[in-house]
Amino acid sequence: MKIGQLSQRTGVPTRMLRYYEEQDLLSPDRAGNGYRDYPESSVYRVQQIRGLLDSGLTTEIIRRIIPFLDKPDEIHLHPDCLTPELAGLLRAEADRIKQRVDCLSRNRDRILAYLAAVETGQDT
């Protein structure tokens, strides 16, 4: 399928699909005319990439683990994938995500406290 078809089926803009290719996350074949030719499995691959990106992983980490994703609709890491270096990267990423969650929680609590104070007419 061509890039426009993959974009339509996944909801991911063609520009982003080209970026995934630049980051070595997707590897389409090339037709004789130079157009990208994506196999059907690319739909699932793009969905996996989106899920991993949405969970906060970087393209560097995704590039390292994506060869070990063994099912199109699920994310299962092959045990050989988890090297000590990758484990360290994943731990650092989990810590970074936790810091973001903590910050967002504090900000949410402050906003709610502000709203409560304003709505009741109290000064904080």
C-alpha atoms as a PDB file:
ATOM      1  CA  MET A   1       0.000   0.000   0.000  1.00  0.00           C
ATOM      2  CA  LYS A   2       1.120   3.560  -0.587  1.00  0.00           C
ATOM      3  CA  ILE A   3       1.890   6.022   2.169  1.00  0.00           C
ATOM      4  CA  GLY A   4      -1.435   7.826   1.773  1.00  0.00           C
ATOM      5  CA  GLN A   5      -3.330   4.575   2.250  1.00  0.00           C
ATOM      6  CA  LEU A   6      -1.310   3.735   5.355  1.00  0.00           C
ATOM      7  CA  SER A   7      -1.984   7.212   6.682  1.00  0.00           C
ATOM      8  CA  GLN A   8      -5.701   6.845   6.086  1.00  0.00           C
ATOM      9  CA  ARG A   9      -5.874   3.402   7.714  1.00  0.00           C
ATOM     10  CA  THR A  10      -3.877   4.380  10.805  1.00  0.00           C
ATOM     11  CA  GLY A  11      -4.868   8.020  11.228  1.00  0.00           C
ATOM     12  CA  VAL A  12      -1.193   8.980  11.281  1.00  0.00           C
ATOM     13  CA  PRO A  13      -0.226  11.833   8.934  1.00  0.00           C
ATOM     14  CA  THR A  14       2.093  10.996   6.037  1.00  0.00           C
ATOM     15  CA  ARG A  15       4.649  13.436   7.406  1.00  0.00           C
ATOM     16  CA  MET A  16       4.781  11.437  10.648  1.00  0.00           C
ATOM     17  CA  LEU A  17       5.098   8.158   8.728  1.00  0.00           C
ATOM     18  CA  ARG A  18       8.109   9.596   6.903  1.00  0.00           C
ATOM     19  CA  TYR A  19       9.548  10.593  10.270  1.00  0.00           C
ATOM     20  CA  TYR A  20       9.083   7.022  11.533  1.00  0.00           C
ATOM     21  CA  GLU A  21      11.006   5.854   8.482  1.00  0.00           C
ATOM     22  CA  GLU A  22      13.812   8.369   9.177  1.00  0.00           C
ATOM     23  CA  GLN A  23      13.988   7.039  12.727  1.00  0.00           C
ATOM     24  CA  ASP A  24      14.258   3.442  11.434  1.00  0.00           C
ATOM     25  CA  LEU A  25      10.910   2.491  12.948  1.00  0.00           C
ATOM     26  CA  LEU A  26       9.345   1.646   9.574  1.00  0.00           C
ATOM     27  CA  SER A  27      11.044   0.159   6.536  1.00  0.00           C
ATOM     28  CA  PRO A  28       8.852   0.270   3.439  1.00  0.00           C
ATOM     29  CA  ASP A  29       9.912  -1.279   0.180  1.00  0.00           C
ATOM     30  CA  ARG A  30      10.313   0.991  -2.817  1.00  0.00           C
ATOM     31  CA  ALA A  31       8.403   0.483  -6.044  1.00  0.00           C
ATOM     32  CA  GLY A  32      10.133   0.909  -9.388  1.00  0.00           C
ATOM     33  CA  ASN A  33       8.955   4.515  -9.504  1.00  0.00           C
ATOM     34  CA  GLY A  34      10.477   5.222  -6.065  1.00  0.00           C
ATOM     35  CA  TYR A  35       7.153   5.315  -4.217  1.00  0.00           C
ATOM     36  CA  ARG A  36       7.016   3.751  -0.786  1.00  0.00           C
ATOM     37  CA  ASP A  37       5.275   0.386  -0.720  1.00  0.00           C
ATOM     38  CA  TYR A  38       4.116  -0.707   2.738  1.00  0.00           C
ATOM     39  CA  PRO A  39       3.111  -4.289   3.526  1.00  0.00           C
ATOM     40  CA  GLU A  40      -0.180  -4.957   5.322  1.00  0.00           C
ATOM     41  CA  SER A  41       1.746  -5.580   8.561  1.00  0.00           C
ATOM     42  CA  SER A  42       2.719  -1.895   8.581  1.00  0.00           C
ATOM     43  CA  VAL A  43      -0.757  -1.001   9.856  1.00  0.00           C
ATOM     44  CA  TYR A  44      -0.079  -2.972  13.037  1.00  0.00           C
ATOM     45  CA  ARG A  45       3.482  -1.684  13.253  1.00  0.00           C
ATOM     46  CA  VAL A  46       2.302   1.930  13.141  1.00  0.00           C
ATOM     47  CA  GLN A  47      -0.289   1.177  15.820  1.00  0.00           C
ATOM     48  CA  GLN A  48       2.453  -0.305  18.002  1.00  0.00           C
ATOM     49  CA  ILE A  49       4.692   2.708  17.421  1.00  0.00           C
ATOM     50  CA  ARG A  50       1.845   5.085  18.313  1.00  0.00           C
ATOM     51  CA  GLY A  51       1.074   3.132  21.485  1.00  0.00           C
ATOM     52  CA  LEU A  52       4.701   3.169  22.569  1.00  0.00           C
ATOM     53  CA  LEU A  53       5.075   6.875  21.795  1.00  0.00           C
ATOM     54  CA  ASP A  54       1.830   7.642  23.627  1.00  0.00           C
ATOM     55  CA  SER A  55       3.160   5.795  26.660  1.00  0.00           C
ATOM     56  CA  GLY A  56       6.082   8.191  26.701  1.00  0.00           C
ATOM     57  CA  LEU A  57       8.854   6.093  25.204  1.00  0.00           C
ATOM     58  CA  THR A  58      11.390   7.800  22.978  1.00  0.00           C
ATOM     59  CA  THR A  59      11.997   6.795  19.377  1.00  0.00           C
ATOM     60  CA  GLU A  60      15.480   5.648  20.440  1.00  0.00           C
ATOM     61  CA  ILE A  61      14.021   3.119  22.866  1.00  0.00           C
ATOM     62  CA  ILE A  62      11.280   2.091  20.437  1.00  0.00           C
ATOM     63  CA  ARG A  63      13.853   1.480  17.702  1.00  0.00           C
ATOM     64  CA  ARG A  64      15.671  -0.901  20.040  1.00  0.00           C
ATOM     65  CA  ILE A  65      12.651  -2.922  21.146  1.00  0.00           C
ATOM     66  CA  ILE A  66      10.451  -2.935  18.049  1.00  0.00           C
ATOM     67  CA  PRO A  67      12.316  -5.804  16.352  1.00  0.00           C
ATOM     68  CA  PHE A  68      11.296  -7.962  19.304  1.00  0.00           C
ATOM     69  CA  LEU A  69       7.592  -7.209  19.235  1.00  0.00           C
ATOM     70  CA  ASP A  70       6.161 -10.560  18.268  1.00  0.00           C
ATOM     71  CA  LYS A  71       2.396 -10.077  17.890  1.00  0.00           C
ATOM     72  CA  PRO A  72       0.656  -7.456  15.767  1.00  0.00           C
ATOM     73  CA  ASP A  73      -2.054  -6.547  18.289  1.00  0.00           C
ATOM     74  CA  GLU A  74      -0.039  -6.956  21.473  1.00  0.00           C
ATOM     75  CA  ILE A  75       3.290  -5.803  22.779  1.00  0.00           C
ATOM     76  CA  HIS A  76       5.432  -8.634  24.095  1.00  0.00           C
ATOM     77  CA  LEU A  77       9.144  -8.223  24.505  1.00  0.00           C
ATOM     78  CA  HIS A  78      11.392 -11.117  23.687  1.00  0.00           C
ATOM     79  CA  PRO A  79      13.644 -11.893  26.695  1.00  0.00           C
ATOM     80  CA  ASP A  80      16.791 -11.440  24.578  1.00  0.00           C
ATOM     81  CA  CYS A  81      15.776  -7.840  23.946  1.00  0.00           C
ATOM     82  CA  LEU A  82      16.369  -6.677  27.512  1.00  0.00           C
ATOM     83  CA  THR A  83      20.075  -5.962  27.691  1.00  0.00           C
ATOM     84  CA  PRO A  84      21.461  -4.243  30.806  1.00  0.00           C
ATOM     85  CA  GLU A  85      21.837  -1.041  28.779  1.00  0.00           C
ATOM     86  CA  LEU A  86      18.235  -1.146  27.564  1.00  0.00           C
ATOM     87  CA  ALA A  87      17.003  -1.980  31.072  1.00  0.00           C
ATOM     88  CA  GLY A  88      18.785   1.148  32.312  1.00  0.00           C
ATOM     89  CA  LEU A  89      17.198   3.248  29.563  1.00  0.00           C
ATOM     90  CA  LEU A  90      13.752   1.890  30.395  1.00  0.00           C
ATOM     91  CA  ARG A  91      14.233   2.526  34.121  1.00  0.00           C
ATOM     92  CA  ALA A  92      15.340   6.092  33.407  1.00  0.00           C
ATOM     93  CA  GLU A  93      12.333   6.551  31.137  1.00  0.00           C
ATOM     94  CA  ALA A  94       9.984   5.199  33.815  1.00  0.00           C
ATOM     95  CA  ASP A  95      11.517   7.644  36.324  1.00  0.00           C
ATOM     96  CA  ARG A  96      11.071  10.510  33.870  1.00  0.00           C
ATOM     97  CA  ILE A  97       7.425   9.567  33.311  1.00  0.00           C
ATOM     98  CA  LYS A  98       6.852   9.339  37.079  1.00  0.00           C
ATOM     99  CA  GLN A  99       8.280  12.841  37.506  1.00  0.00           C
ATOM    100  CA  ARG A 100       5.897  14.125  34.831  1.00  0.00           C
ATOM    101  CA  VAL A 101       2.941  12.385  36.487  1.00  0.00           C
ATOM    102  CA  ASP A 102       3.892  13.854  39.872  1.00  0.00           C
ATOM    103  CA  CYS A 103       4.191  17.335  38.369  1.00  0.00           C
ATOM    104  CA  LEU A 104       0.853  17.011  36.594  1.00  0.00           C
ATOM    105  CA  SER A 105      -0.771  15.791  39.817  1.00  0.00           C
ATOM    106  CA  ARG A 106       0.588  18.773  41.768  1.00  0.00           C
ATOM    107  CA  ASN A 107      -0.619  21.159  39.072  1.00  0.00           C
ATOM    108  CA  ARG A 108      -4.063  19.539  39.018  1.00  0.00           C
ATOM    109  CA  ASP A 109      -4.316  19.807  42.803  1.00  0.00           C
ATOM    110  CA  ARG A 110      -3.330  23.498  42.720  1.00  0.00           C
ATOM    111  CA  ILE A 111      -5.854  24.264  40.001  1.00  0.00           C
ATOM    112  CA  LEU A 112      -8.607  22.484  41.906  1.00  0.00           C
ATOM    113  CA  ALA A 113      -7.654  24.300  45.119  1.00  0.00           C
ATOM    114  CA  TYR A 114      -7.733  27.619  43.263  1.00  0.00           C
ATOM    115  CA  LEU A 115     -11.146  26.841  41.779  1.00  0.00           C
ATOM    116  CA  ALA A 116     -12.496  25.798  45.164  1.00  0.00           C
ATOM    117  CA  ALA A 117     -11.201  28.987  46.777  1.00  0.00           C
ATOM    118  CA  VAL A 118     -12.607  31.233  44.056  1.00  0.00           C
ATOM    119  CA  GLU A 119     -15.956  29.461  43.966  1.00  0.00           C
ATOM    120  CA  THR A 120     -16.395  29.791  47.737  1.00  0.00           C
ATOM    121  CA  GLY A 121     -15.038  33.334  47.799  1.00  0.00           C
ATOM    122  CA  GLN A 122     -12.165  32.470  50.132  1.00  0.00           C
ATOM    123  CA  ASP A 123      -8.687  33.920  49.864  1.00  0.00           C
ATOM    124  CA  THR A 124      -5.815  31.406  49.791  1.00  0.00           C
END
